């Protein structure tokens, strides 16, 4: 045990001695070392919320095949708001089952795109009545019969 203590002491002494001696002309040129003064960390203002995503990457990669299959995992806050991992799993299973049944039954989609209908056509009597009550101040060209 005394031998290892002496050996460790000699090793530490050699390391300290090697660190103190200059190794060449490059170390003698860097003898003047400047140090920073006191550095203080300032607490952010209470009114300004901390935005972790303030600095956006200037590089925007083009969409590729991975974008269709990849979705970001939910944060812990989102998991808590959705009822936890168990409820999220149950809802995912229900949605998958509903999608499978929808595909099997070939039922129409629950949300369908709107289809515009043509404007209503006026018959001849309705067109005469419209011209009778036409106001020239509203952009009607026909003279108003009296």
Protein backbone atom coordinates (compact mmCIF):
# COMPACT_ATOMS: atom_id res chain seq x y z
CA UNK A 1 0.00 0.00 0.00
CA UNK A 2 2.89 2.37 0.76
CA UNK A 3 4.39 1.62 -2.65
CA UNK A 4 1.22 2.65 -4.50
CA UNK A 5 0.95 5.87 -2.47
CA UNK A 6 4.54 6.80 -3.30
CA UNK A 7 4.04 5.91 -6.97
CA UNK A 8 0.86 7.99 -7.16
CA UNK A 9 2.60 10.92 -5.45
CA UNK A 10 5.51 10.78 -7.93
CA UNK A 11 3.11 10.60 -10.85
CA UNK A 12 1.21 13.68 -9.63
CA UNK A 13 4.48 15.54 -9.07
CA UNK A 14 5.64 14.77 -12.63
CA UNK A 15 2.30 15.95 -14.09
CA UNK A 16 2.46 19.21 -12.13
CA UNK A 17 6.07 19.77 -13.16
CA UNK A 18 5.26 19.13 -16.83
CA UNK A 19 2.41 21.63 -16.72
CA UNK A 20 4.61 24.40 -15.29
CA UNK A 21 7.47 24.20 -17.81
CA UNK A 22 7.08 25.92 -21.19
CA UNK A 23 7.36 23.53 -24.15
CA UNK A 24 8.56 25.95 -26.80
CA UNK A 25 8.47 29.46 -28.26
CA UNK A 26 4.70 29.33 -28.85
CA UNK A 27 4.00 29.15 -25.08
CA UNK A 28 6.35 32.04 -24.34
CA UNK A 29 4.40 34.24 -26.78
CA UNK A 30 1.11 33.46 -24.99
CA UNK A 31 2.28 34.35 -21.50
CA UNK A 32 -0.16 37.29 -21.25
CA UNK A 33 -3.59 35.71 -20.73
CA UNK A 34 -6.67 37.89 -20.59
CA UNK A 35 -9.60 36.79 -18.49
CA UNK A 36 -13.20 37.88 -18.51
CA UNK A 37 -14.53 40.07 -15.82
CA UNK A 38 -17.54 39.20 -13.72
CA UNK A 39 -20.35 37.61 -15.71
CA UNK A 40 -23.88 37.88 -14.36
CA UNK A 41 -26.91 36.01 -15.61
CA UNK A 42 -29.98 38.23 -15.76
CA UNK A 43 -33.40 36.85 -14.93
CA UNK A 44 -35.84 37.22 -17.83
CA UNK A 45 -38.67 39.68 -17.39
CA UNK A 46 -41.88 38.25 -15.96
CA UNK A 47 -44.09 39.77 -18.66
CA UNK A 48 -42.16 38.18 -21.54
CA UNK A 49 -42.85 34.45 -21.83
CA UNK A 50 -39.88 32.26 -22.66
CA UNK A 51 -40.17 31.13 -26.27
CA UNK A 52 -38.04 28.07 -26.84
CA UNK A 53 -38.78 28.10 -30.58
CA UNK A 54 -37.91 31.76 -31.11
CA UNK A 55 -34.99 31.05 -33.44
CA UNK A 56 -36.19 29.15 -36.50
CA UNK A 57 -33.83 27.27 -38.77
CA UNK A 58 -33.31 29.11 -42.06
CA UNK A 59 -33.08 25.75 -43.84
CA UNK A 60 -36.46 24.39 -44.90
CA UNK A 61 -36.12 20.90 -46.40
CA UNK A 62 -38.43 19.89 -49.22
CA UNK A 63 -41.30 17.52 -48.34
CA UNK A 64 -40.44 13.88 -48.98
CA UNK A 65 -41.86 10.38 -48.45
CA UNK A 66 -41.16 10.47 -44.72
CA UNK A 67 -43.44 13.47 -44.15
CA UNK A 68 -46.55 11.43 -44.93
CA UNK A 69 -45.82 8.68 -42.40
CA UNK A 70 -44.18 10.73 -39.62
CA UNK A 71 -45.99 12.67 -36.95
CA UNK A 72 -44.39 14.33 -33.97
CA UNK A 73 -45.04 12.59 -30.66
CA UNK A 74 -47.33 14.51 -28.32
CA UNK A 75 -45.81 16.56 -25.53
CA UNK A 76 -46.54 15.70 -21.92
CA UNK A 77 -48.99 18.60 -21.76
CA UNK A 78 -50.92 17.25 -24.76
CA UNK A 79 -50.94 13.76 -23.25
CA UNK A 80 -52.38 15.17 -20.02
CA UNK A 81 -55.03 17.16 -21.86
CA UNK A 82 -56.09 14.08 -23.88
CA UNK A 83 -56.61 11.95 -20.77
CA UNK A 84 -53.28 10.12 -20.63
CA UNK A 85 -51.64 7.42 -22.70
CA UNK A 86 -54.34 4.85 -21.97
CA UNK A 87 -57.17 7.06 -23.25
CA UNK A 88 -55.10 8.07 -26.27
CA UNK A 89 -54.58 4.39 -27.09
CA UNK A 90 -58.27 3.62 -26.70
CA UNK A 91 -59.24 6.57 -28.92
CA UNK A 92 -56.68 5.52 -31.53
CA UNK A 93 -58.09 1.97 -31.57
CA UNK A 94 -61.65 3.28 -31.89
CA UNK A 95 -60.65 5.59 -34.75
CA UNK A 96 -58.89 2.73 -36.55
CA UNK A 97 -61.92 0.46 -36.12
CA UNK A 98 -64.26 3.18 -37.39
CA UNK A 99 -62.02 3.78 -40.41
CA UNK A 100 -61.97 0.05 -41.17
CA UNK A 101 -65.77 -0.22 -40.93
CA UNK A 102 -66.14 2.86 -43.13
CA UNK A 103 -63.92 1.23 -45.75
CA UNK A 104 -65.72 -2.13 -45.56
CA UNK A 105 -69.24 -0.72 -45.79
CA UNK A 106 -68.35 1.89 -48.45
CA UNK A 107 -70.54 4.39 -46.66
CA UNK A 108 -70.41 8.05 -47.73
CA UNK A 109 -68.00 10.26 -45.86
CA UNK A 110 -69.29 12.06 -42.79
CA UNK A 111 -67.90 15.34 -44.07
CA UNK A 112 -68.56 15.96 -47.73
CA UNK A 113 -67.51 18.85 -49.88
CA UNK A 114 -70.14 21.43 -50.68
CA UNK A 115 -71.71 21.49 -54.12
CA UNK A 116 -73.10 24.81 -55.29
CA UNK A 117 -76.55 24.70 -56.82
CA UNK A 118 -77.45 26.88 -59.78
CA UNK A 119 -79.17 30.17 -59.07
CA UNK A 120 -82.97 30.03 -59.22
CA UNK A 121 -84.53 30.86 -62.55
CA UNK A 122 -87.35 33.41 -62.69
CA UNK A 123 -90.32 32.81 -64.91
CA UNK A 124 -91.62 35.58 -67.17
CA UNK A 125 -94.18 36.88 -64.63
CA UNK A 126 -91.54 37.06 -61.88
CA UNK A 127 -89.15 38.92 -64.18
CA UNK A 128 -91.89 41.49 -65.00
CA UNK A 129 -92.60 42.03 -61.30
CA UNK A 130 -88.84 42.42 -60.61
CA UNK A 131 -88.56 45.06 -63.30
CA UNK A 132 -91.65 46.81 -61.93
CA UNK A 133 -90.05 47.29 -58.51
CA UNK A 134 -86.56 48.03 -59.83
CA UNK A 135 -84.83 51.07 -58.30
CA UNK A 136 -82.46 53.05 -60.57
CA UNK A 137 -80.34 54.08 -57.55
CA UNK A 138 -79.45 50.44 -56.92
CA UNK A 139 -78.06 49.88 -60.40
CA UNK A 140 -81.19 48.97 -62.31
CA UNK A 141 -81.28 50.23 -65.90
CA UNK A 142 -84.96 49.79 -66.66
CA UNK A 143 -87.28 52.73 -66.10
CA UNK A 144 -89.73 52.23 -63.26
CA UNK A 145 -93.31 52.12 -64.58
CA UNK A 146 -95.93 54.07 -62.63
